[in-house]
Amino acid sequence: MINSKKDDNVILTGFRVGESYFGGFSQYAKVDSNFLVKMPKDLDNKKSMMLGTAGFTALLCSFAVKAKEELLLGTKVKDVLVTGATGGVGSVAIMVLSKMGYDVHAVTGKKDKTDYLKDLGAKNIIDRKEFEGESKLLEKGIWDGVVDTVGGPALTKIFAQTKPGGIVAACGNAGGNKINTTVMPFIIRGVKLWGIDSSGSSLKRREFVWGQAAKLVDFTKVHGFTKELSFNELLETYPKLIKGEFSGRAILNTNK
């Protein structure tokens, strides 16, 4: 933890806390200080946790896409595809990528969420069925960048549709953890598959990304799709998450 002292507000996401380490839902927890990021001045506890791991992951994905034009000195990013668009990562990614100036194309199976996604900044809504079925080795290049929160078979078609030099930031496997693709998008078009491991991100990377959050996120909108839950409500929400019936974000109020 850099430049922090007693009574400072800090952020902790990832590092398998709540998974391999106890304390994910506790009011007080003893943790390794190397897991902590000092809270930026323009954030607070509630805002940082409304983003949470999902929001942090979305920011990492967005900066990975932006790397096409900045780090890799490629052509300017214009069209970006976001899968699993109504989820926590997808919702924040749409907002951030739109703020970065990109045209965001949101993929979802929830037809009733069109207005919600457009309000976040999506320019176009695509039915996820469009990415089912067989794909050619290479299809027409459409996407400069992709934020894929789903994984699975749809990635085959996504790779085939990614433009030369494009970046696919992959962070989820709800649609499956196996992909069936070829080397063609990677050696003919130079497509980059950029794996996003938010849990294991370096402290330096974390500090940079959290420091950019307030500039790229409209917290009024995040608040609008965030539900505050009690412990009992948390237990009721888990089955909905597993069935894909929950959209947006949820935070736990440990005092509720």
C-alpha atoms as a PDB file:
ATOM      1  CA  MET A   1       0.000   0.000   0.000  1.00  0.00           C
ATOM      2  CA  ILE A   2       1.653   3.257  -1.153  1.00  0.00           C
ATOM      3  CA  ASN A   3       1.466   6.667   0.582  1.00  0.00           C
ATOM      4  CA  SER A   4      -1.239   5.606   3.012  1.00  0.00           C
ATOM      5  CA  LYS A   5      -1.585   5.932   6.759  1.00  0.00           C
ATOM      6  CA  LYS A   6      -3.926   5.098   9.621  1.00  0.00           C
ATOM      7  CA  ASP A   7      -7.586   6.057   8.998  1.00  0.00           C
ATOM      8  CA  ASP A   8      -7.112   6.327   5.218  1.00  0.00           C
ATOM      9  CA  ASN A   9      -9.869   4.840   3.081  1.00  0.00           C
ATOM     10  CA  VAL A  10      -8.589   1.964   0.960  1.00  0.00           C
ATOM     11  CA  ILE A  11      -9.887  -0.324  -1.789  1.00  0.00           C
ATOM     12  CA  LEU A  12      -9.500  -4.093  -1.849  1.00  0.00           C
ATOM     13  CA  THR A  13     -10.648  -6.232  -4.761  1.00  0.00           C
ATOM     14  CA  GLY A  14      -9.320  -9.555  -5.947  1.00  0.00           C
ATOM     15  CA  PHE A  15      -6.313 -11.379  -4.489  1.00  0.00           C
ATOM     16  CA  ARG A  16      -8.825 -14.209  -3.808  1.00  0.00           C
ATOM     17  CA  VAL A  17     -10.128 -12.471  -0.700  1.00  0.00           C
ATOM     18  CA  GLY A  18     -13.529 -13.982   0.110  1.00  0.00           C
ATOM     19  CA  GLU A  19     -12.484 -17.014  -1.931  1.00  0.00           C
ATOM     20  CA  SER A  20      -9.229 -18.404  -0.498  1.00  0.00           C
ATOM     21  CA  TYR A  21      -9.137 -15.869   2.325  1.00  0.00           C
ATOM     22  CA  PHE A  22     -12.018 -15.342   4.722  1.00  0.00           C
ATOM     23  CA  GLY A  23     -13.586 -11.921   5.176  1.00  0.00           C
ATOM     24  CA  GLY A  24     -15.245 -11.019   1.895  1.00  0.00           C
ATOM     25  CA  PHE A  25     -18.492 -10.008   3.606  1.00  0.00           C
ATOM     26  CA  SER A  26     -17.135  -9.030   7.030  1.00  0.00           C
ATOM     27  CA  GLN A  27     -17.356  -5.607   8.646  1.00  0.00           C
ATOM     28  CA  TYR A  28     -13.724  -5.846   9.751  1.00  0.00           C
ATOM     29  CA  ALA A  29     -10.958  -7.928   8.210  1.00  0.00           C
ATOM     30  CA  LYS A  30      -7.236  -8.342   8.698  1.00  0.00           C
ATOM     31  CA  VAL A  31      -5.579  -8.439   5.277  1.00  0.00           C
ATOM     32  CA  ASP A  32      -2.156  -8.185   3.675  1.00  0.00           C
ATOM     33  CA  SER A  33      -1.363  -4.490   3.228  1.00  0.00           C
ATOM     34  CA  ASN A  34       0.032  -5.320  -0.223  1.00  0.00           C
ATOM     35  CA  PHE A  35      -3.561  -5.991  -1.309  1.00  0.00           C
ATOM     36  CA  LEU A  36      -4.675  -2.413  -0.623  1.00  0.00           C
ATOM     37  CA  VAL A  37      -4.977   0.611  -2.887  1.00  0.00           C
ATOM     38  CA  LYS A  38      -5.355   4.044  -1.345  1.00  0.00           C
ATOM     39  CA  MET A  39      -8.721   5.557  -2.211  1.00  0.00           C
ATOM     40  CA  PRO A  40      -8.378   8.315  -4.853  1.00  0.00           C
ATOM     41  CA  LYS A  41      -9.654  11.710  -3.686  1.00  0.00           C
ATOM     42  CA  ASP A  42     -12.541  11.750  -6.157  1.00  0.00           C
ATOM     43  CA  LEU A  43     -13.930   8.364  -5.011  1.00  0.00           C
ATOM     44  CA  ASP A  44     -15.454   7.163  -1.758  1.00  0.00           C
ATOM     45  CA  ASN A  45     -16.252   3.799  -0.183  1.00  0.00           C
ATOM     46  CA  LYS A  46     -19.695   3.426  -1.731  1.00  0.00           C
ATOM     47  CA  LYS A  47     -18.656   4.536  -5.215  1.00  0.00           C
ATOM     48  CA  SER A  48     -15.670   2.190  -5.263  1.00  0.00           C
ATOM     49  CA  MET A  49     -17.807  -0.762  -4.191  1.00  0.00           C
ATOM     50  CA  MET A  50     -20.604   0.077  -6.628  1.00  0.00           C
ATOM     51  CA  LEU A  51     -17.893  -0.569  -9.205  1.00  0.00           C
ATOM     52  CA  GLY A  52     -16.235  -3.369  -7.244  1.00  0.00           C
ATOM     53  CA  THR A  53     -14.453  -6.210  -8.999  1.00  0.00           C
ATOM     54  CA  ALA A  54     -16.807  -6.017 -11.994  1.00  0.00           C
ATOM     55  CA  GLY A  55     -16.241  -2.295 -12.521  1.00  0.00           C
ATOM     56  CA  PHE A  56     -12.497  -2.640 -12.033  1.00  0.00           C
ATOM     57  CA  THR A  57     -12.473  -5.489 -14.570  1.00  0.00           C
ATOM     58  CA  ALA A  58     -14.485  -3.380 -17.022  1.00  0.00           C
ATOM     59  CA  LEU A  59     -11.939  -0.568 -16.705  1.00  0.00           C
ATOM     60  CA  LEU A  60      -9.063  -3.000 -17.294  1.00  0.00           C
ATOM     61  CA  CYS A  61     -10.824  -4.333 -20.413  1.00  0.00           C
ATOM     62  CA  SER A  62     -11.471  -0.816 -21.706  1.00  0.00           C
ATOM     63  CA  PHE A  63      -7.840   0.207 -21.301  1.00  0.00           C
ATOM     64  CA  ALA A  64      -6.782  -3.009 -23.058  1.00  0.00           C
ATOM     65  CA  VAL A  65      -8.902  -1.989 -26.070  1.00  0.00           C
ATOM     66  CA  LYS A  66      -7.508   1.544 -25.913  1.00  0.00           C
ATOM     67  CA  ALA A  67      -4.000   0.062 -26.051  1.00  0.00           C
ATOM     68  CA  LYS A  68      -4.555  -0.648 -29.764  1.00  0.00           C
ATOM     69  CA  GLU A  69      -4.140   3.021 -30.592  1.00  0.00           C
ATOM     70  CA  GLU A  70      -1.882   4.067 -27.720  1.00  0.00           C
ATOM     71  CA  LEU A  71       0.461   1.292 -26.583  1.00  0.00           C
ATOM     72  CA  LEU A  72       0.555  -0.566 -29.926  1.00  0.00           C
ATOM     73  CA  LEU A  73       0.377   2.623 -32.031  1.00  0.00           C
ATOM     74  CA  GLY A  74      -2.265   1.099 -34.283  1.00  0.00           C
ATOM     75  CA  THR A  75      -5.136   2.765 -36.086  1.00  0.00           C
ATOM     76  CA  LYS A  76      -7.702   4.638 -34.013  1.00  0.00           C
ATOM     77  CA  VAL A  77     -10.335   2.546 -32.279  1.00  0.00           C
ATOM     78  CA  LYS A  78     -13.884   3.215 -33.467  1.00  0.00           C
ATOM     79  CA  ASP A  79     -16.205   0.188 -33.204  1.00  0.00           C
ATOM     80  CA  VAL A  80     -16.099  -1.884 -30.010  1.00  0.00           C
ATOM     81  CA  LEU A  81     -18.207  -4.956 -29.284  1.00  0.00           C
ATOM     82  CA  VAL A  82     -19.270  -5.746 -25.689  1.00  0.00           C
ATOM     83  CA  THR A  83     -20.754  -9.161 -24.896  1.00  0.00           C
ATOM     84  CA  GLY A  84     -22.819  -9.928 -21.802  1.00  0.00           C
ATOM     85  CA  ALA A  85     -23.773  -6.274 -21.978  1.00  0.00           C
ATOM     86  CA  THR A  86     -26.326  -6.161 -19.152  1.00  0.00           C
ATOM     87  CA  GLY A  87     -23.993  -7.712 -16.569  1.00  0.00           C
ATOM     88  CA  GLY A  88     -21.838  -5.814 -14.102  1.00  0.00           C
ATOM     89  CA  VAL A  89     -18.712  -5.844 -16.284  1.00  0.00           C
ATOM     90  CA  GLY A  90     -20.606  -5.239 -19.520  1.00  0.00           C
ATOM     91  CA  SER A  91     -22.676  -2.341 -18.175  1.00  0.00           C
ATOM     92  CA  VAL A  92     -19.653  -0.437 -16.863  1.00  0.00           C
ATOM     93  CA  ALA A  93     -17.584  -1.268 -19.961  1.00  0.00           C
ATOM     94  CA  ILE A  94     -20.257   0.270 -22.218  1.00  0.00           C
ATOM     95  CA  MET A  95     -20.217   3.442 -20.153  1.00  0.00           C
ATOM     96  CA  VAL A  96     -16.401   3.699 -20.067  1.00  0.00           C
ATOM     97  CA  LEU A  97     -15.827   2.871 -23.746  1.00  0.00           C
ATOM     98  CA  SER A  98     -18.498   5.367 -24.764  1.00  0.00           C
ATOM     99  CA  LYS A  99     -16.810   8.009 -22.591  1.00  0.00           C
ATOM    100  CA  MET A 100     -13.531   7.196 -24.355  1.00  0.00           C
ATOM    101  CA  GLY A 101     -15.254   8.203 -27.602  1.00  0.00           C
ATOM    102  CA  TYR A 102     -15.873   4.793 -29.149  1.00  0.00           C
ATOM    103  CA  ASP A 103     -19.011   3.465 -30.853  1.00  0.00           C
ATOM    104  CA  VAL A 104     -20.163   0.643 -28.580  1.00  0.00           C
ATOM    105  CA  HIS A 105     -22.141  -2.325 -29.919  1.00  0.00           C
ATOM    106  CA  ALA A 106     -23.797  -4.234 -27.079  1.00  0.00           C
ATOM    107  CA  VAL A 107     -24.566  -7.959 -27.315  1.00  0.00           C
ATOM    108  CA  THR A 108     -27.391  -9.305 -25.154  1.00  0.00           C
ATOM    109  CA  GLY A 109     -30.154 -11.892 -25.079  1.00  0.00           C
ATOM    110  CA  LYS A 110     -32.360  -9.589 -23.016  1.00  0.00           C
ATOM    111  CA  LYS A 111     -34.503  -7.733 -25.564  1.00  0.00           C
ATOM    112  CA  ASP A 112     -36.201  -5.684 -22.848  1.00  0.00           C
ATOM    113  CA  LYS A 113     -32.890  -4.010 -21.927  1.00  0.00           C
ATOM    114  CA  THR A 114     -32.421  -2.022 -25.147  1.00  0.00           C
ATOM    115  CA  ASP A 115     -33.283   1.362 -23.607  1.00  0.00           C
ATOM    116  CA  TYR A 116     -31.119   0.605 -20.571  1.00  0.00           C
ATOM    117  CA  LEU A 117     -28.083  -0.195 -22.724  1.00  0.00           C
ATOM    118  CA  LYS A 118     -28.554   2.844 -24.955  1.00  0.00           C
ATOM    119  CA  ASP A 119     -28.804   5.057 -21.881  1.00  0.00           C
ATOM    120  CA  LEU A 120     -25.398   3.725 -20.796  1.00  0.00           C
ATOM    121  CA  GLY A 121     -23.958   4.774 -24.139  1.00  0.00           C
ATOM    122  CA  ALA A 122     -24.442   1.810 -26.482  1.00  0.00           C
ATOM    123  CA  LYS A 123     -24.911   2.918 -30.089  1.00  0.00           C
ATOM    124  CA  ASN A 124     -26.223  -0.411 -31.335  1.00  0.00           C
ATOM    125  CA  ILE A 125     -27.839  -3.491 -29.740  1.00  0.00           C
ATOM    126  CA  ILE A 126     -27.116  -6.938 -31.197  1.00  0.00           C
ATOM    127  CA  ASP A 127     -28.937 -10.180 -30.372  1.00  0.00           C
ATOM    128  CA  ARG A 128     -26.467 -12.732 -29.028  1.00  0.00           C
ATOM    129  CA  LYS A 129     -27.936 -15.291 -31.463  1.00  0.00           C
ATOM    130  CA  GLU A 130     -25.964 -13.450 -34.167  1.00  0.00           C
ATOM    131  CA  PHE A 131     -22.829 -15.105 -32.768  1.00  0.00           C
ATOM    132  CA  GLU A 132     -24.162 -18.650 -32.783  1.00  0.00           C
ATOM    133  CA  GLY A 133     -23.452 -21.230 -35.464  1.00  0.00           C
ATOM    134  CA  GLU A 134     -20.487 -21.968 -37.680  1.00  0.00           C
ATOM    135  CA  SER A 135     -17.932 -19.312 -38.552  1.00  0.00           C
ATOM    136  CA  LYS A 136     -15.612 -18.956 -41.508  1.00  0.00           C
ATOM    137  CA  LEU A 137     -11.870 -18.866 -40.894  1.00  0.00           C
ATOM    138  CA  LEU A 138     -12.085 -15.120 -41.434  1.00  0.00           C
ATOM    139  CA  GLU A 139     -15.193 -13.012 -41.879  1.00  0.00           C
ATOM    140  CA  LYS A 140     -15.609  -9.341 -42.709  1.00  0.00           C
ATOM    141  CA  GLY A 141     -13.600  -7.296 -40.217  1.00  0.00           C
ATOM    142  CA  ILE A 142     -16.055  -5.262 -38.132  1.00  0.00           C
ATOM    143  CA  TRP A 143     -14.601  -4.717 -34.643  1.00  0.00           C
ATOM    144  CA  ASP A 144     -11.577  -2.640 -33.670  1.00  0.00           C
ATOM    145  CA  GLY A 145     -11.893  -4.000 -30.169  1.00  0.00           C
ATOM    146  CA  VAL A 146     -13.980  -6.430 -28.168  1.00  0.00           C
ATOM    147  CA  VAL A 147     -14.756  -6.753 -24.471  1.00  0.00           C
ATOM    148  CA  ASP A 148     -15.869 -10.355 -24.039  1.00  0.00           C
ATOM    149  CA  THR A 149     -17.378 -11.243 -20.677  1.00  0.00           C
ATOM    150  CA  VAL A 150     -18.911 -14.536 -21.819  1.00  0.00           C
ATOM    151  CA  GLY A 151     -16.325 -16.797 -23.499  1.00  0.00           C
ATOM    152  CA  GLY A 152     -17.296 -20.048 -25.192  1.00  0.00           C
ATOM    153  CA  PRO A 153     -18.223 -20.769 -28.822  1.00  0.00           C
ATOM    154  CA  ALA A 154     -19.197 -17.181 -29.691  1.00  0.00           C
ATOM    155  CA  LEU A 155     -15.521 -16.190 -29.482  1.00  0.00           C
ATOM    156  CA  THR A 156     -14.809 -18.135 -32.678  1.00  0.00           C
ATOM    157  CA  LYS A 157     -17.014 -15.791 -34.709  1.00  0.00           C
ATOM    158  CA  ILE A 158     -15.803 -12.744 -32.767  1.00  0.00           C
ATOM    159  CA  PHE A 159     -12.166 -13.487 -33.624  1.00  0.00           C
ATOM    160  CA  ALA A 160     -13.116 -13.963 -37.282  1.00  0.00           C
ATOM    161  CA  GLN A 161     -14.875 -10.565 -37.319  1.00  0.00           C
ATOM    162  CA  THR A 162     -12.143  -8.570 -35.570  1.00  0.00           C
ATOM    163  CA  LYS A 163     -10.286  -6.066 -37.760  1.00  0.00           C
ATOM    164  CA  PRO A 164      -6.519  -6.198 -38.385  1.00  0.00           C
ATOM    165  CA  GLY A 165      -4.621  -5.256 -35.246  1.00  0.00           C
ATOM    166  CA  GLY A 166      -7.799  -5.454 -33.166  1.00  0.00           C
ATOM    167  CA  ILE A 167      -7.814  -6.443 -29.499  1.00  0.00           C
ATOM    168  CA  VAL A 168     -10.176  -8.912 -27.835  1.00  0.00           C
ATOM    169  CA  ALA A 169     -10.132  -8.394 -24.059  1.00  0.00           C
ATOM    170  CA  ALA A 170     -11.479 -11.609 -22.511  1.00  0.00           C
ATOM    171  CA  CYS A 171     -12.518 -11.709 -18.869  1.00  0.00           C
ATOM    172  CA  GLY A 172     -15.318 -14.276 -18.455  1.00  0.00           C
ATOM    173  CA  ASN A 173     -16.383 -17.838 -19.125  1.00  0.00           C
ATOM    174  CA  ALA A 174     -20.117 -17.938 -18.369  1.00  0.00           C
ATOM    175  CA  GLY A 175     -20.685 -19.253 -21.907  1.00  0.00           C
ATOM    176  CA  GLY A 176     -18.016 -21.934 -21.542  1.00  0.00           C
ATOM    177  CA  ASN A 177     -14.276 -22.171 -20.981  1.00  0.00           C
ATOM    178  CA  LYS A 178     -13.385 -23.771 -24.304  1.00  0.00           C
ATOM    179  CA  ILE A 179     -13.004 -22.098 -27.689  1.00  0.00           C
ATOM    180  CA  ASN A 180     -12.633 -23.667 -31.118  1.00  0.00           C
ATOM    181  CA  THR A 181     -10.715 -21.304 -33.360  1.00  0.00           C
ATOM    182  CA  THR A 182      -7.824 -21.195 -35.809  1.00  0.00           C
ATOM    183  CA  VAL A 183      -4.579 -19.276 -35.990  1.00  0.00           C
ATOM    184  CA  MET A 184      -5.846 -17.289 -38.984  1.00  0.00           C
ATOM    185  CA  PRO A 185      -7.159 -14.161 -37.152  1.00  0.00           C
ATOM    186  CA  PHE A 186      -3.902 -13.988 -35.214  1.00  0.00           C
ATOM    187  CA  ILE A 187      -1.363 -14.517 -37.991  1.00  0.00           C
ATOM    188  CA  ILE A 188      -3.251 -12.997 -40.936  1.00  0.00           C
ATOM    189  CA  ARG A 189      -4.807 -10.016 -39.162  1.00  0.00           C
ATOM    190  CA  GLY A 190      -2.607  -9.713 -36.107  1.00  0.00           C
ATOM    191  CA  VAL A 191      -5.593  -9.909 -33.753  1.00  0.00           C
ATOM    192  CA  LYS A 192      -4.583  -9.825 -30.084  1.00  0.00           C
ATOM    193  CA  LEU A 193      -6.288 -11.926 -27.407  1.00  0.00           C
ATOM    194  CA  TRP A 194      -5.751  -9.990 -24.191  1.00  0.00           C
ATOM    195  CA  GLY A 195      -6.632 -12.004 -21.087  1.00  0.00           C
ATOM    196  CA  ILE A 196      -7.877  -9.911 -18.173  1.00  0.00           C
ATOM    197  CA  ASP A 197      -6.962 -11.220 -14.723  1.00  0.00           C
ATOM    198  CA  SER A 198      -8.353  -8.531 -12.433  1.00  0.00           C
ATOM    199  CA  SER A 199      -7.651 -10.551  -9.288  1.00  0.00           C
ATOM    200  CA  GLY A 200      -3.933 -10.721  -9.980  1.00  0.00           C
ATOM    201  CA  SER A 201      -3.354  -7.230 -11.386  1.00  0.00           C
ATOM    202  CA  SER A 202      -0.265  -5.447 -10.143  1.00  0.00           C
ATOM    203  CA  LEU A 203      -0.571  -2.744  -7.507  1.00  0.00           C
ATOM    204  CA  LYS A 204       0.774  -0.172  -9.958  1.00  0.00           C
ATOM    205  CA  ARG A 205      -1.892  -1.108 -12.495  1.00  0.00           C
ATOM    206  CA  ARG A 206      -4.591  -0.969  -9.825  1.00  0.00           C
ATOM    207  CA  GLU A 207      -3.564   2.501  -8.696  1.00  0.00           C
ATOM    208  CA  PHE A 208      -3.634   3.793 -12.259  1.00  0.00           C
ATOM    209  CA  VAL A 209      -7.032   2.290 -13.096  1.00  0.00           C
ATOM    210  CA  TRP A 210      -8.750   3.352  -9.870  1.00  0.00           C
ATOM    211  CA  GLY A 211      -7.266   6.799 -10.355  1.00  0.00           C
ATOM    212  CA  GLN A 212      -9.015   7.057 -13.740  1.00  0.00           C
ATOM    213  CA  ALA A 213     -12.397   5.728 -12.594  1.00  0.00           C
ATOM    214  CA  ALA A 214     -14.051   9.033 -11.635  1.00  0.00           C
ATOM    215  CA  LYS A 215     -13.175  10.546 -15.038  1.00  0.00           C
ATOM    216  CA  LEU A 216     -14.744   7.701 -16.998  1.00  0.00           C
ATOM    217  CA  VAL A 217     -17.725   6.551 -14.927  1.00  0.00           C
ATOM    218  CA  ASP A 218     -21.062   8.301 -14.457  1.00  0.00           C
ATOM    219  CA  PHE A 219     -21.836   7.277 -10.886  1.00  0.00           C
ATOM    220  CA  THR A 220     -25.389   8.604 -11.111  1.00  0.00           C
ATOM    221  CA  LYS A 221     -26.055   5.934 -13.736  1.00  0.00           C
ATOM    222  CA  VAL A 222     -24.162   3.284 -11.776  1.00  0.00           C
ATOM    223  CA  HIS A 223     -26.297   4.062  -8.749  1.00  0.00           C
ATOM    224  CA  GLY A 224     -29.362   3.615 -10.948  1.00  0.00           C
ATOM    225  CA  PHE A 225     -28.469  -0.004 -11.791  1.00  0.00           C
ATOM    226  CA  THR A 226     -27.009  -0.922  -8.395  1.00  0.00           C
ATOM    227  CA  LYS A 227     -29.107  -2.698  -5.770  1.00  0.00           C
ATOM    228  CA  GLU A 228     -28.176  -2.501  -2.086  1.00  0.00           C
ATOM    229  CA  LEU A 229     -28.779  -5.855  -0.376  1.00  0.00           C
ATOM    230  CA  SER A 230     -29.017  -7.222   3.146  1.00  0.00           C
ATOM    231  CA  PHE A 231     -27.536 -10.637   3.982  1.00  0.00           C
ATOM    232  CA  ASN A 232     -30.960 -12.274   3.506  1.00  0.00           C
ATOM    233  CA  GLU A 233     -31.432 -10.545   0.155  1.00  0.00           C
ATOM    234  CA  LEU A 234     -27.967 -11.671  -0.843  1.00  0.00           C
ATOM    235  CA  LEU A 235     -28.985 -15.310  -0.401  1.00  0.00           C
ATOM    236  CA  GLU A 236     -32.101 -14.691  -2.487  1.00  0.00           C
ATOM    237  CA  THR A 237     -30.031 -13.058  -5.235  1.00  0.00           C
ATOM    238  CA  TYR A 238     -27.478 -15.842  -5.779  1.00  0.00           C
ATOM    239  CA  PRO A 239     -29.897 -18.203  -7.614  1.00  0.00           C
ATOM    240  CA  LYS A 240     -30.857 -15.354  -9.956  1.00  0.00           C
ATOM    241  CA  LEU A 241     -27.188 -14.730 -10.748  1.00  0.00           C
ATOM    242  CA  ILE A 242     -26.608 -18.389 -11.548  1.00  0.00           C
ATOM    243  CA  LYS A 243     -29.661 -18.497 -13.846  1.00  0.00           C
ATOM    244  CA  GLY A 244     -28.651 -15.278 -15.636  1.00  0.00           C
ATOM    245  CA  GLU A 245     -31.746 -13.486 -14.355  1.00  0.00           C
ATOM    246  CA  PHE A 246     -29.893 -10.653 -12.611  1.00  0.00           C
ATOM    247  CA  SER A 247     -28.601  -7.556 -14.359  1.00  0.00           C
ATOM    248  CA  GLY A 248     -26.581  -4.597 -13.153  1.00  0.00           C
ATOM    249  CA  ARG A 249     -24.688  -4.429  -9.868  1.00  0.00           C
ATOM    250  CA  ALA A 250     -25.319  -5.365  -6.250  1.00  0.00           C
ATOM    251  CA  ILE A 251     -23.593  -4.198  -3.084  1.00  0.00           C
ATOM    252  CA  LEU A 252     -23.943  -5.654   0.385  1.00  0.00           C
ATOM    253  CA  ASN A 253     -24.774  -3.411   3.320  1.00  0.00           C
ATOM    254  CA  THR A 254     -23.297  -5.341   6.251  1.00  0.00           C
ATOM    255  CA  ASN A 255     -25.329  -3.243   8.704  1.00  0.00           C
ATOM    256  CA  LYS A 256     -28.680  -3.834   6.997  1.00  0.00           C
END
